[in-house]
Amino acid sequence: MDAAYVFRVTFRLDAPEVEVDPEQFETVVRKPAVEPGTEGWRFFEAALWRGEVTDAAYLRSLAEDWLSVPVESVTFSELRTDEAYLDALRDAIAGSGAFEDTPQEVLHAHLGSSIRVE
């Protein structure tokens, strides 16, 4: 099983001792998705709604921790996954008792159409 949340992150170098050009960069960040049913597997629920970042400040803070640089913006691109992970994710949603909707409806509500199966 393999999956990752893919984000576009814009960050700025904070280098007061020197001049940098450019000082702003954009990069693609792939955050590995944890195994469904284990701690942290519901990241999608806390971070995304309809394929968009739910709380920009929260995601910027996470991205700053991931990259160790000041982050200006974060946008969600997709959940890139294999079929086995997606099946396990659907099973975990169905079996968790935390959601009233079907797994497909839950995934669509949080990820929109931003799931890419490879």
PDB file of N, CA and C in Angstrom:
ATOM      1  N   MET A   1       0.841  -1.179   0.000  1.00  0.00           N
ATOM      2  CA  MET A   1       0.000   0.000   0.000  1.00  0.00           C
ATOM      3  C   MET A   1       0.888   1.244   0.000  1.00  0.00           C
ATOM      4  N   ASP A   2       0.464   2.209  -0.813  1.00  0.00           N
ATOM      5  CA  ASP A   2       1.247   3.429  -0.915  1.00  0.00           C
ATOM      6  C   ASP A   2       0.318   4.588  -1.240  1.00  0.00           C
ATOM      7  N   ALA A   3       0.452   5.688  -0.490  1.00  0.00           N
ATOM      8  CA  ALA A   3      -0.347   6.883  -0.757  1.00  0.00           C
ATOM      9  C   ALA A   3       0.348   8.099  -0.168  1.00  0.00           C
ATOM     10  N   ALA A   4       0.072   9.258  -0.769  1.00  0.00           N
ATOM     11  CA  ALA A   4       0.624  10.522  -0.267  1.00  0.00           C
ATOM     12  C   ALA A   4      -0.330  11.655  -0.593  1.00  0.00           C
ATOM     13  N   TYR A   5      -0.425  12.590   0.334  1.00  0.00           N
ATOM     14  CA  TYR A   5      -1.139  13.831   0.092  1.00  0.00           C
ATOM     15  C   TYR A   5      -0.156  14.773  -0.593  1.00  0.00           C
ATOM     16  N   VAL A   6      -0.567  15.350  -1.711  1.00  0.00           N
ATOM     17  CA  VAL A   6       0.324  16.210  -2.488  1.00  0.00           C
ATOM     18  C   VAL A   6      -0.150  17.658  -2.344  1.00  0.00           C
ATOM     19  N   PHE A   7       0.797  18.519  -1.968  1.00  0.00           N
ATOM     20  CA  PHE A   7       0.518  19.937  -1.774  1.00  0.00           C
ATOM     21  C   PHE A   7       1.501  20.776  -2.583  1.00  0.00           C
ATOM     22  N   ARG A   8       1.062  21.942  -2.998  1.00  0.00           N
ATOM     23  CA  ARG A   8       1.945  22.971  -3.543  1.00  0.00           C
ATOM     24  C   ARG A   8       2.162  23.973  -2.416  1.00  0.00           C
ATOM     25  N   VAL A   9       3.426  24.227  -2.127  1.00  0.00           N
ATOM     26  CA  VAL A   9       3.784  25.082  -1.009  1.00  0.00           C
ATOM     27  C   VAL A   9       4.651  26.229  -1.510  1.00  0.00           C
ATOM     28  N   THR A  10       4.272  27.435  -1.136  1.00  0.00           N
ATOM     29  CA  THR A  10       5.091  28.609  -1.428  1.00  0.00           C
ATOM     30  C   THR A  10       5.762  29.026  -0.129  1.00  0.00           C
ATOM     31  N   PHE A  11       7.079  29.166  -0.188  1.00  0.00           N
ATOM     32  CA  PHE A  11       7.815  29.557   1.011  1.00  0.00           C
ATOM     33  C   PHE A  11       8.802  30.671   0.676  1.00  0.00           C
ATOM     34  N   ARG A  12       9.257  31.327   1.702  1.00  0.00           N
ATOM     35  CA  ARG A  12      10.183  32.441   1.565  1.00  0.00           C
ATOM     36  C   ARG A  12      11.418  32.143   2.414  1.00  0.00           C
ATOM     37  N   LEU A  13      12.565  32.436   1.834  1.00  0.00           N
ATOM     38  CA  LEU A  13      13.795  32.306   2.609  1.00  0.00           C
ATOM     39  C   LEU A  13      13.916  33.488   3.551  1.00  0.00           C
ATOM     40  N   ASP A  14      14.235  33.205   4.780  1.00  0.00           N
ATOM     41  CA  ASP A  14      14.440  34.251   5.774  1.00  0.00           C
ATOM     42  C   ASP A  14      15.934  34.270   6.070  1.00  0.00           C
ATOM     43  N   ALA A  15      16.654  35.133   5.351  1.00  0.00           N
ATOM     44  CA  ALA A  15      18.118  35.179   5.467  1.00  0.00           C
ATOM     45  C   ALA A  15      18.554  36.615   5.738  1.00  0.00           C
ATOM     46  N   PRO A  16      18.430  37.073   6.974  1.00  0.00           N
ATOM     47  CA  PRO A  16      18.715  38.480   7.283  1.00  0.00           C
ATOM     48  C   PRO A  16      20.176  38.886   7.083  1.00  0.00           C
ATOM     49  N   GLU A  17      21.074  37.930   7.085  1.00  0.00           N
ATOM     50  CA  GLU A  17      22.509  38.227   6.971  1.00  0.00           C
ATOM     51  C   GLU A  17      22.973  38.412   5.527  1.00  0.00           C
ATOM     52  N   VAL A  18      22.149  37.939   4.576  1.00  0.00           N
ATOM     53  CA  VAL A  18      22.543  38.005   3.165  1.00  0.00           C
ATOM     54  C   VAL A  18      21.344  38.401   2.312  1.00  0.00           C
ATOM     55  N   GLU A  19      21.638  38.795   1.075  1.00  0.00           N
ATOM     56  CA  GLU A  19      20.578  39.082   0.124  1.00  0.00           C
ATOM     57  C   GLU A  19      20.366  37.849  -0.740  1.00  0.00           C
ATOM     58  N   VAL A  20      19.112  37.452  -0.923  1.00  0.00           N
ATOM     59  CA  VAL A  20      18.797  36.295  -1.750  1.00  0.00           C
ATOM     60  C   VAL A  20      17.843  36.711  -2.863  1.00  0.00           C
ATOM     61  N   ASP A  21      18.036  36.109  -4.020  1.00  0.00           N
ATOM     62  CA  ASP A  21      17.181  36.415  -5.169  1.00  0.00           C
ATOM     63  C   ASP A  21      17.025  35.169  -6.008  1.00  0.00           C
ATOM     64  N   PRO A  22      15.861  34.581  -6.118  1.00  0.00           N
ATOM     65  CA  PRO A  22      14.618  35.060  -5.511  1.00  0.00           C
ATOM     66  C   PRO A  22      14.563  34.680  -4.046  1.00  0.00           C
ATOM     67  N   GLU A  23      13.672  35.326  -3.331  1.00  0.00           N
ATOM     68  CA  GLU A  23      13.483  34.959  -1.926  1.00  0.00           C
ATOM     69  C   GLU A  23      12.259  34.086  -1.721  1.00  0.00           C
ATOM     70  N   GLN A  24      11.440  33.956  -2.766  1.00  0.00           N
ATOM     71  CA  GLN A  24      10.223  33.145  -2.686  1.00  0.00           C
ATOM     72  C   GLN A  24      10.299  31.991  -3.678  1.00  0.00           C
ATOM     73  N   PHE A  25       9.855  30.815  -3.227  1.00  0.00           N
ATOM     74  CA  PHE A  25       9.911  29.600  -4.044  1.00  0.00           C
ATOM     75  C   PHE A  25       8.605  28.830  -3.907  1.00  0.00           C
ATOM     76  N   GLU A  26       8.300  28.038  -4.922  1.00  0.00           N
ATOM     77  CA  GLU A  26       7.181  27.108  -4.844  1.00  0.00           C
ATOM     78  C   GLU A  26       7.729  25.703  -5.036  1.00  0.00           C
ATOM     79  N   THR A  27       7.223  24.786  -4.243  1.00  0.00           N
ATOM     80  CA  THR A  27       7.662  23.399  -4.337  1.00  0.00           C
ATOM     81  C   THR A  27       6.466  22.472  -4.167  1.00  0.00           C
ATOM     82  N   VAL A  28       6.644  21.243  -4.569  1.00  0.00           N
ATOM     83  CA  VAL A  28       5.633  20.215  -4.374  1.00  0.00           C
ATOM     84  C   VAL A  28       6.053  19.374  -3.174  1.00  0.00           C
ATOM     85  N   VAL A  29       5.128  19.212  -2.244  1.00  0.00           N
ATOM     86  CA  VAL A  29       5.387  18.421  -1.038  1.00  0.00           C
ATOM     87  C   VAL A  29       4.461  17.218  -1.059  1.00  0.00           C
ATOM     88  N   ARG A  30       5.041  16.043  -0.881  1.00  0.00           N
ATOM     89  CA  ARG A  30       4.269  14.809  -0.791  1.00  0.00           C
ATOM     90  C   ARG A  30       4.346  14.302   0.641  1.00  0.00           C
ATOM     91  N   LYS A  31       3.212  14.385   1.335  1.00  0.00           N
ATOM     92  CA  LYS A  31       3.152  13.913   2.725  1.00  0.00           C
ATOM     93  C   LYS A  31       2.641  12.487   2.702  1.00  0.00           C
ATOM     94  N   PRO A  32       3.462  11.528   3.110  1.00  0.00           N
ATOM     95  CA  PRO A  32       3.006  10.137   3.113  1.00  0.00           C
ATOM     96  C   PRO A  32       1.741   9.973   3.961  1.00  0.00           C
ATOM     97  N   ALA A  33       0.790   9.255   3.428  1.00  0.00           N
ATOM     98  CA  ALA A  33      -0.445   8.961   4.161  1.00  0.00           C
ATOM     99  C   ALA A  33      -0.201   7.744   5.043  1.00  0.00           C
ATOM    100  N   VAL A  34      -0.637   7.847   6.294  1.00  0.00           N
ATOM    101  CA  VAL A  34      -0.431   6.715   7.205  1.00  0.00           C
ATOM    102  C   VAL A  34      -1.450   5.625   6.895  1.00  0.00           C
ATOM    103  N   GLU A  35      -1.150   4.450   7.354  1.00  0.00           N
ATOM    104  CA  GLU A  35      -2.023   3.294   7.104  1.00  0.00           C
ATOM    105  C   GLU A  35      -3.412   3.547   7.677  1.00  0.00           C
ATOM    106  N   PRO A  36      -4.446   3.329   6.890  1.00  0.00           N
ATOM    107  CA  PRO A  36      -5.810   3.529   7.384  1.00  0.00           C
ATOM    108  C   PRO A  36      -6.070   2.725   8.656  1.00  0.00           C
ATOM    109  N   GLY A  37      -6.726   3.392   9.605  1.00  0.00           N
ATOM    110  CA  GLY A  37      -7.046   2.745  10.874  1.00  0.00           C
ATOM    111  C   GLY A  37      -5.991   2.968  11.946  1.00  0.00           C
ATOM    112  N   THR A  38      -4.826   3.507  11.584  1.00  0.00           N
ATOM    113  CA  THR A  38      -3.786   3.780  12.570  1.00  0.00           C
ATOM    114  C   THR A  38      -3.803   5.268  12.921  1.00  0.00           C
ATOM    115  N   GLU A  39      -3.078   5.639  13.953  1.00  0.00           N
ATOM    116  CA  GLU A  39      -3.064   7.022  14.404  1.00  0.00           C
ATOM    117  C   GLU A  39      -2.705   7.984  13.264  1.00  0.00           C
ATOM    118  N   GLY A  40      -3.539   9.007  13.091  1.00  0.00           N
ATOM    119  CA  GLY A  40      -3.296  10.014  12.066  1.00  0.00           C
ATOM    120  C   GLY A  40      -3.918   9.721  10.710  1.00  0.00           C
ATOM    121  N   TRP A  41      -4.621   8.596  10.571  1.00  0.00           N
ATOM    122  CA  TRP A  41      -5.154   8.217   9.259  1.00  0.00           C
ATOM    123  C   TRP A  41      -6.251   9.148   8.782  1.00  0.00           C
ATOM    124  N   ARG A  42      -6.882   9.884   9.706  1.00  0.00           N
ATOM    125  CA  ARG A  42      -7.976  10.787   9.329  1.00  0.00           C
ATOM    126  C   ARG A  42      -7.474  12.201   9.042  1.00  0.00           C
ATOM    127  N   PHE A  43      -6.243  12.329   8.596  1.00  0.00           N
ATOM    128  CA  PHE A  43      -5.656  13.617   8.221  1.00  0.00           C
ATOM    129  C   PHE A  43      -6.561  14.359   7.238  1.00  0.00           C
ATOM    130  N   PHE A  44      -7.098  13.643   6.272  1.00  0.00           N
ATOM    131  CA  PHE A  44      -7.965  14.252   5.256  1.00  0.00           C
ATOM    132  C   PHE A  44      -9.135  14.997   5.889  1.00  0.00           C
ATOM    133  N   GLU A  45      -9.648  14.459   6.991  1.00  0.00           N
ATOM    134  CA  GLU A  45     -10.812  15.050   7.654  1.00  0.00           C
ATOM    135  C   GLU A  45     -10.447  16.372   8.337  1.00  0.00           C
ATOM    136  N   ALA A  46      -9.276  16.436   8.924  1.00  0.00           N
ATOM    137  CA  ALA A  46      -8.847  17.637   9.636  1.00  0.00           C
ATOM    138  C   ALA A  46      -8.330  18.722   8.701  1.00  0.00           C
ATOM    139  N   ALA A  47      -7.859  18.336   7.524  1.00  0.00           N
ATOM    140  CA  ALA A  47      -7.144  19.288   6.680  1.00  0.00           C
ATOM    141  C   ALA A  47      -7.867  19.723   5.413  1.00  0.00           C
ATOM    142  N   LEU A  48      -8.829  18.936   4.941  1.00  0.00           N
ATOM    143  CA  LEU A  48      -9.383  19.186   3.608  1.00  0.00           C
ATOM    144  C   LEU A  48     -10.904  19.171   3.585  1.00  0.00           C
ATOM    145  N   TRP A  49     -11.455  19.991   2.686  1.00  0.00           N
ATOM    146  CA  TRP A  49     -12.894  19.996   2.452  1.00  0.00           C
ATOM    147  C   TRP A  49     -13.128  20.338   0.990  1.00  0.00           C
ATOM    148  N   ARG A  50     -13.808  19.440   0.280  1.00  0.00           N
ATOM    149  CA  ARG A  50     -14.123  19.610  -1.141  1.00  0.00           C
ATOM    150  C   ARG A  50     -12.858  19.827  -1.991  1.00  0.00           C
ATOM    151  N   GLY A  51     -11.778  19.174  -1.580  1.00  0.00           N
ATOM    152  CA  GLY A  51     -10.538  19.247  -2.340  1.00  0.00           C
ATOM    153  C   GLY A  51      -9.726  20.505  -2.103  1.00  0.00           C
ATOM    154  N   GLU A  52     -10.073  21.247  -1.073  1.00  0.00           N
ATOM    155  CA  GLU A  52      -9.365  22.479  -0.729  1.00  0.00           C
ATOM    156  C   GLU A  52      -8.872  22.401   0.710  1.00  0.00           C
ATOM    157  N   VAL A  53      -7.861  23.198   1.019  1.00  0.00           N
ATOM    158  CA  VAL A  53      -7.361  23.292   2.381  1.00  0.00           C
ATOM    159  C   VAL A  53      -8.447  23.916   3.253  1.00  0.00           C
ATOM    160  N   THR A  54      -8.767  23.270   4.370  1.00  0.00           N
ATOM    161  CA  THR A  54      -9.815  23.740   5.270  1.00  0.00           C
ATOM    162  C   THR A  54      -9.355  24.935   6.087  1.00  0.00           C
ATOM    163  N   ASP A  55      -8.195  24.826   6.707  1.00  0.00           N
ATOM    164  CA  ASP A  55      -7.672  25.865   7.594  1.00  0.00           C
ATOM    165  C   ASP A  55      -6.269  26.225   7.116  1.00  0.00           C
ATOM    166  N   ALA A  56      -6.156  27.334   6.400  1.00  0.00           N
ATOM    167  CA  ALA A  56      -4.876  27.721   5.790  1.00  0.00           C
ATOM    168  C   ALA A  56      -3.775  27.907   6.836  1.00  0.00           C
ATOM    169  N   ALA A  57      -4.087  28.533   7.966  1.00  0.00           N
ATOM    170  CA  ALA A  57      -3.077  28.764   9.000  1.00  0.00           C
ATOM    171  C   ALA A  57      -2.548  27.440   9.557  1.00  0.00           C
ATOM    172  N   TYR A  58      -3.447  26.494   9.789  1.00  0.00           N
ATOM    173  CA  TYR A  58      -3.055  25.169  10.296  1.00  0.00           C
ATOM    174  C   TYR A  58      -2.127  24.454   9.305  1.00  0.00           C
ATOM    175  N   LEU A  59      -2.493  24.461   8.027  1.00  0.00           N
ATOM    176  CA  LEU A  59      -1.668  23.782   7.018  1.00  0.00           C
ATOM    177  C   LEU A  59      -0.335  24.501   6.820  1.00  0.00           C
ATOM    178  N   ARG A  60      -0.336  25.834   6.883  1.00  0.00           N
ATOM    179  CA  ARG A  60       0.941  26.563   6.780  1.00  0.00           C
ATOM    180  C   ARG A  60       1.852  26.173   7.935  1.00  0.00           C
ATOM    181  N   SER A  61       1.292  26.059   9.126  1.00  0.00           N
ATOM    182  CA  SER A  61       2.073  25.665  10.296  1.00  0.00           C
ATOM    183  C   SER A  61       2.652  24.257  10.127  1.00  0.00           C
ATOM    184  N   LEU A  62       1.824  23.325   9.642  1.00  0.00           N
ATOM    185  CA  LEU A  62       2.333  21.973   9.388  1.00  0.00           C
ATOM    186  C   LEU A  62       3.452  22.000   8.348  1.00  0.00           C
ATOM    187  N   ALA A  63       3.238  22.737   7.268  1.00  0.00           N
ATOM    188  CA  ALA A  63       4.246  22.803   6.202  1.00  0.00           C
ATOM    189  C   ALA A  63       5.540  23.435   6.708  1.00  0.00           C
ATOM    190  N   GLU A  64       5.430  24.411   7.588  1.00  0.00           N
ATOM    191  CA  GLU A  64       6.642  24.999   8.166  1.00  0.00           C
ATOM    192  C   GLU A  64       7.407  23.961   8.972  1.00  0.00           C
ATOM    193  N   ASP A  65       6.690  23.116   9.690  1.00  0.00           N
ATOM    194  CA  ASP A  65       7.345  22.028  10.425  1.00  0.00           C
ATOM    195  C   ASP A  65       8.001  21.044   9.462  1.00  0.00           C
ATOM    196  N   TRP A  66       7.305  20.695   8.368  1.00  0.00           N
ATOM    197  CA  TRP A  66       7.848  19.747   7.396  1.00  0.00           C
ATOM    198  C   TRP A  66       9.105  20.284   6.728  1.00  0.00           C
ATOM    199  N   LEU A  67       9.104  21.577   6.393  1.00  0.00           N
ATOM    200  CA  LEU A  67      10.175  22.149   5.568  1.00  0.00           C
ATOM    201  C   LEU A  67      11.194  22.976   6.331  1.00  0.00           C
ATOM    202  N   SER A  68      10.882  23.364   7.541  1.00  0.00           N
ATOM    203  CA  SER A  68      11.761  24.210   8.362  1.00  0.00           C
ATOM    204  C   SER A  68      12.060  25.556   7.712  1.00  0.00           C
ATOM    205  N   VAL A  69      11.057  26.121   7.050  1.00  0.00           N
ATOM    206  CA  VAL A  69      11.146  27.461   6.470  1.00  0.00           C
ATOM    207  C   VAL A  69       9.798  28.154   6.657  1.00  0.00           C
ATOM    208  N   PRO A  70       9.779  29.493   6.634  1.00  0.00           N
ATOM    209  CA  PRO A  70       8.496  30.199   6.709  1.00  0.00           C
ATOM    210  C   PRO A  70       7.664  29.942   5.452  1.00  0.00           C
ATOM    211  N   VAL A  71       6.439  29.511   5.637  1.00  0.00           N
ATOM    212  CA  VAL A  71       5.560  29.168   4.520  1.00  0.00           C
ATOM    213  C   VAL A  71       4.520  30.267   4.333  1.00  0.00           C
ATOM    214  N   GLU A  72       4.333  30.672   3.078  1.00  0.00           N
ATOM    215  CA  GLU A  72       3.354  31.713   2.766  1.00  0.00           C
ATOM    216  C   GLU A  72       2.005  31.147   2.365  1.00  0.00           C
ATOM    217  N   SER A  73       2.002  30.017   1.641  1.00  0.00           N
ATOM    218  CA  SER A  73       0.723  29.441   1.228  1.00  0.00           C
ATOM    219  C   SER A  73       0.869  27.942   0.967  1.00  0.00           C
ATOM    220  N   VAL A  74      -0.250  27.250   1.126  1.00  0.00           N
ATOM    221  CA  VAL A  74      -0.324  25.816   0.865  1.00  0.00           C
ATOM    222  C   VAL A  74      -1.635  25.553   0.124  1.00  0.00           C
ATOM    223  N   THR A  75      -1.548  24.837  -0.987  1.00  0.00           N
ATOM    224  CA  THR A  75      -2.750  24.407  -1.685  1.00  0.00           C
ATOM    225  C   THR A  75      -2.678  22.895  -1.862  1.00  0.00           C
ATOM    226  N   PHE A  76      -3.836  22.257  -1.766  1.00  0.00           N
ATOM    227  CA  PHE A  76      -3.915  20.809  -1.931  1.00  0.00           C
ATOM    228  C   PHE A  76      -4.026  20.485  -3.409  1.00  0.00           C
ATOM    229  N   SER A  77      -3.255  19.498  -3.853  1.00  0.00           N
ATOM    230  CA  SER A  77      -3.325  19.057  -5.242  1.00  0.00           C
ATOM    231  C   SER A  77      -4.108  17.765  -5.381  1.00  0.00           C
ATOM    232  N   GLU A  78      -3.704  16.732  -4.606  1.00  0.00           N
ATOM    233  CA  GLU A  78      -4.360  15.438  -4.766  1.00  0.00           C
ATOM    234  C   GLU A  78      -3.905  14.459  -3.694  1.00  0.00           C
ATOM    235  N   LEU A  79      -4.695  13.403  -3.539  1.00  0.00           N
ATOM    236  CA  LEU A  79      -4.254  12.213  -2.822  1.00  0.00           C
ATOM    237  C   LEU A  79      -3.808  11.263  -3.910  1.00  0.00           C
ATOM    238  N   ARG A  80      -2.521  10.993  -3.955  1.00  0.00           N
ATOM    239  CA  ARG A  80      -1.963  10.058  -4.932  1.00  0.00           C
ATOM    240  C   ARG A  80      -1.841   8.711  -4.223  1.00  0.00           C
ATOM    241  N   THR A  81      -2.496   7.695  -4.769  1.00  0.00           N
ATOM    242  CA  THR A  81      -2.619   6.430  -4.051  1.00  0.00           C
ATOM    243  C   THR A  81      -2.602   5.239  -4.991  1.00  0.00           C
ATOM    244  N   ASP A  82      -2.345   4.092  -4.425  1.00  0.00           N
ATOM    245  CA  ASP A  82      -2.551   2.863  -5.195  1.00  0.00           C
ATOM    246  C   ASP A  82      -3.914   2.293  -4.799  1.00  0.00           C
ATOM    247  N   GLU A  83      -4.367   1.324  -5.558  1.00  0.00           N
ATOM    248  CA  GLU A  83      -5.699   0.743  -5.339  1.00  0.00           C
ATOM    249  C   GLU A  83      -5.808   0.098  -3.960  1.00  0.00           C
ATOM    250  N   ALA A  84      -4.752  -0.559  -3.497  1.00  0.00           N
ATOM    251  CA  ALA A  84      -4.791  -1.232  -2.195  1.00  0.00           C
ATOM    252  C   ALA A  84      -5.005  -0.233  -1.059  1.00  0.00           C
ATOM    253  N   TYR A  85      -4.307   0.905  -1.107  1.00  0.00           N
ATOM    254  CA  TYR A  85      -4.478   1.911  -0.061  1.00  0.00           C
ATOM    255  C   TYR A  85      -5.892   2.482  -0.101  1.00  0.00           C
ATOM    256  N   LEU A  86      -6.387   2.787  -1.293  1.00  0.00           N
ATOM    257  CA  LEU A  86      -7.730   3.352  -1.414  1.00  0.00           C
ATOM    258  C   LEU A  86      -8.784   2.381  -0.886  1.00  0.00           C
ATOM    259  N   ASP A  87      -8.630   1.106  -1.170  1.00  0.00           N
ATOM    260  CA  ASP A  87      -9.557   0.097  -0.633  1.00  0.00           C
ATOM    261  C   ASP A  87      -9.490   0.054   0.891  1.00  0.00           C
ATOM    262  N   ALA A  88      -8.274   0.085   1.440  1.00  0.00           N
ATOM    263  CA  ALA A  88      -8.105   0.068   2.896  1.00  0.00           C
ATOM    264  C   ALA A  88      -8.679   1.332   3.527  1.00  0.00           C
ATOM    265  N   LEU A  89      -8.541   2.459   2.855  1.00  0.00           N
ATOM    266  CA  LEU A  89      -9.090   3.717   3.359  1.00  0.00           C
ATOM    267  C   LEU A  89     -10.616   3.653   3.390  1.00  0.00           C
ATOM    268  N   ARG A  90     -11.209   3.155   2.337  1.00  0.00           N
ATOM    269  CA  ARG A  90     -12.674   3.002   2.306  1.00  0.00           C
ATOM    270  C   ARG A  90     -13.151   2.070   3.421  1.00  0.00           C
ATOM    271  N   ASP A  91     -12.432   0.962   3.612  1.00  0.00           N
ATOM    272  CA  ASP A  91     -12.794   0.009   4.669  1.00  0.00           C
ATOM    273  C   ASP A  91     -12.678   0.653   6.049  1.00  0.00           C
ATOM    274  N   ALA A  92     -11.632   1.439   6.269  1.00  0.00           N
ATOM    275  CA  ALA A  92     -11.434   2.095   7.569  1.00  0.00           C
ATOM    276  C   ALA A  92     -12.535   3.115   7.827  1.00  0.00           C
ATOM    277  N   ILE A  93     -12.924   3.856   6.798  1.00  0.00           N
ATOM    278  CA  ILE A  93     -14.016   4.824   6.942  1.00  0.00           C
ATOM    279  C   ILE A  93     -15.308   4.099   7.298  1.00  0.00           C
ATOM    280  N   ALA A  94     -15.608   3.026   6.572  1.00  0.00           N
ATOM    281  CA  ALA A  94     -16.832   2.252   6.818  1.00  0.00           C
ATOM    282  C   ALA A  94     -16.840   1.644   8.211  1.00  0.00           C
ATOM    283  N   GLY A  95     -15.709   1.175   8.676  1.00  0.00           N
ATOM    284  CA  GLY A  95     -15.635   0.487   9.957  1.00  0.00           C
ATOM    285  C   GLY A  95     -15.401   1.370  11.164  1.00  0.00           C
ATOM    286  N   SER A  96     -15.144   2.654  10.952  1.00  0.00           N
ATOM    287  CA  SER A  96     -14.783   3.526  12.069  1.00  0.00           C
ATOM    288  C   SER A  96     -15.979   3.930  12.932  1.00  0.00           C
ATOM    289  N   GLY A  97     -17.161   3.983  12.339  1.00  0.00           N
ATOM    290  CA  GLY A  97     -18.330   4.445  13.074  1.00  0.00           C
ATOM    291  C   GLY A  97     -18.356   5.957  13.267  1.00  0.00           C
ATOM    292  N   ALA A  98     -17.370   6.662  12.737  1.00  0.00           N
ATOM    293  CA  ALA A  98     -17.271   8.111  12.910  1.00  0.00           C
ATOM    294  C   ALA A  98     -17.998   8.899  11.832  1.00  0.00           C
ATOM    295  N   PHE A  99     -18.386   8.230  10.777  1.00  0.00           N
ATOM    296  CA  PHE A  99     -18.987   8.917   9.641  1.00  0.00           C
ATOM    297  C   PHE A  99     -20.390   8.370   9.383  1.00  0.00           C
ATOM    298  N   GLU A 100     -21.307   9.259   9.057  1.00  0.00           N
ATOM    299  CA  GLU A 100     -22.671   8.850   8.744  1.00  0.00           C
ATOM    300  C   GLU A 100     -22.833   8.492   7.272  1.00  0.00           C
ATOM    301  N   ASP A 101     -21.980   9.064   6.425  1.00  0.00           N
ATOM    302  CA  ASP A 101     -22.072   8.850   4.986  1.00  0.00           C
ATOM    303  C   ASP A 101     -21.283   7.619   4.552  1.00  0.00           C
ATOM    304  N   THR A 102     -21.489   7.215   3.312  1.00  0.00           N
ATOM    305  CA  THR A 102     -20.722   6.103   2.748  1.00  0.00           C
ATOM    306  C   THR A 102     -19.270   6.530   2.581  1.00  0.00           C
ATOM    307  N   PRO A 103     -18.347   5.583   2.502  1.00  0.00           N
ATOM    308  CA  PRO A 103     -16.948   5.943   2.278  1.00  0.00           C
ATOM    309  C   PRO A 103     -16.741   6.818   1.037  1.00  0.00           C
ATOM    310  N   GLN A 104     -17.460   6.500  -0.032  1.00  0.00           N
ATOM    311  CA  GLN A 104     -17.333   7.303  -1.259  1.00  0.00           C
ATOM    312  C   GLN A 104     -17.767   8.743  -1.016  1.00  0.00           C
ATOM    313  N   GLU A 105     -18.863   8.922  -0.286  1.00  0.00           N
ATOM    314  CA  GLU A 105     -19.353  10.273   0.012  1.00  0.00           C
ATOM    315  C   GLU A 105     -18.387  11.027   0.928  1.00  0.00           C
ATOM    316  N   VAL A 106     -17.812  10.332   1.897  1.00  0.00           N
ATOM    317  CA  VAL A 106     -16.844  10.954   2.805  1.00  0.00           C
ATOM    318  C   VAL A 106     -15.620  11.409   2.022  1.00  0.00           C
ATOM    319  N   LEU A 107     -15.089  10.540   1.192  1.00  0.00           N
ATOM    320  CA  LEU A 107     -13.903  10.910   0.409  1.00  0.00           C
ATOM    321  C   LEU A 107     -14.201  12.069  -0.530  1.00  0.00           C
ATOM    322  N   HIS A 108     -15.364  12.045  -1.150  1.00  0.00           N
ATOM    323  CA  HIS A 108     -15.715  13.143  -2.050  1.00  0.00           C
ATOM    324  C   HIS A 108     -15.888  14.450  -1.278  1.00  0.00           C
ATOM    325  N   ALA A 109     -16.495  14.380  -0.096  1.00  0.00           N
ATOM    326  CA  ALA A 109     -16.700  15.582   0.710  1.00  0.00           C
ATOM    327  C   ALA A 109     -15.380  16.235   1.103  1.00  0.00           C
ATOM    328  N   HIS A 110     -14.371  15.437   1.394  1.00  0.00           N
ATOM    329  CA  HIS A 110     -13.101  15.992   1.845  1.00  0.00           C
ATOM    330  C   HIS A 110     -12.091  16.194   0.716  1.00  0.00           C
ATOM    331  N   LEU A 111     -12.028  15.267  -0.200  1.00  0.00           N
ATOM    332  CA  LEU A 111     -11.005  15.327  -1.248  1.00  0.00           C
ATOM    333  C   LEU A 111     -11.541  15.820  -2.587  1.00  0.00           C
ATOM    334  N   GLY A 112     -12.839  15.988  -2.696  1.00  0.00           N
ATOM    335  CA  GLY A 112     -13.409  16.391  -3.979  1.00  0.00           C
ATOM    336  C   GLY A 112     -13.112  15.312  -5.019  1.00  0.00           C
ATOM    337  N   SER A 113     -12.680  15.725  -6.155  1.00  0.00           N
ATOM    338  CA  SER A 113     -12.308  14.760  -7.197  1.00  0.00           C
ATOM    339  C   SER A 113     -10.797  14.635  -7.297  1.00  0.00           C
ATOM    340  N   SER A 114     -10.097  14.971  -6.205  1.00  0.00           N
ATOM    341  CA  SER A 114      -8.633  15.015  -6.228  1.00  0.00           C
ATOM    342  C   SER A 114      -7.985  13.739  -5.714  1.00  0.00           C
ATOM    343  N   ILE A 115      -8.443  12.601  -6.203  1.00  0.00           N
ATOM    344  CA  ILE A 115      -7.817  11.318  -5.878  1.00  0.00           C
ATOM    345  C   ILE A 115      -7.263  10.755  -7.180  1.00  0.00           C
ATOM    346  N   ARG A 116      -5.959  10.494  -7.177  1.00  0.00           N
ATOM    347  CA  ARG A 116      -5.338   9.896  -8.364  1.00  0.00           C
ATOM    348  C   ARG A 116      -4.822   8.502  -7.993  1.00  0.00           C
ATOM    349  N   VAL A 117      -5.384   7.494  -8.652  1.00  0.00           N
ATOM    350  CA  VAL A 117      -4.958   6.113  -8.422  1.00  0.00           C
ATOM    351  C   VAL A 117      -3.904   5.772  -9.468  1.00  0.00           C
ATOM    352  N   GLU A 118      -2.775   5.331  -8.992  1.00  0.00           N
ATOM    353  CA  GLU A 118      -1.663   4.970  -9.899  1.00  0.00           C
ATOM    354  C   GLU A 118      -1.391   3.487  -9.823  1.00  0.00           C
TER     355      GLU A 118
END
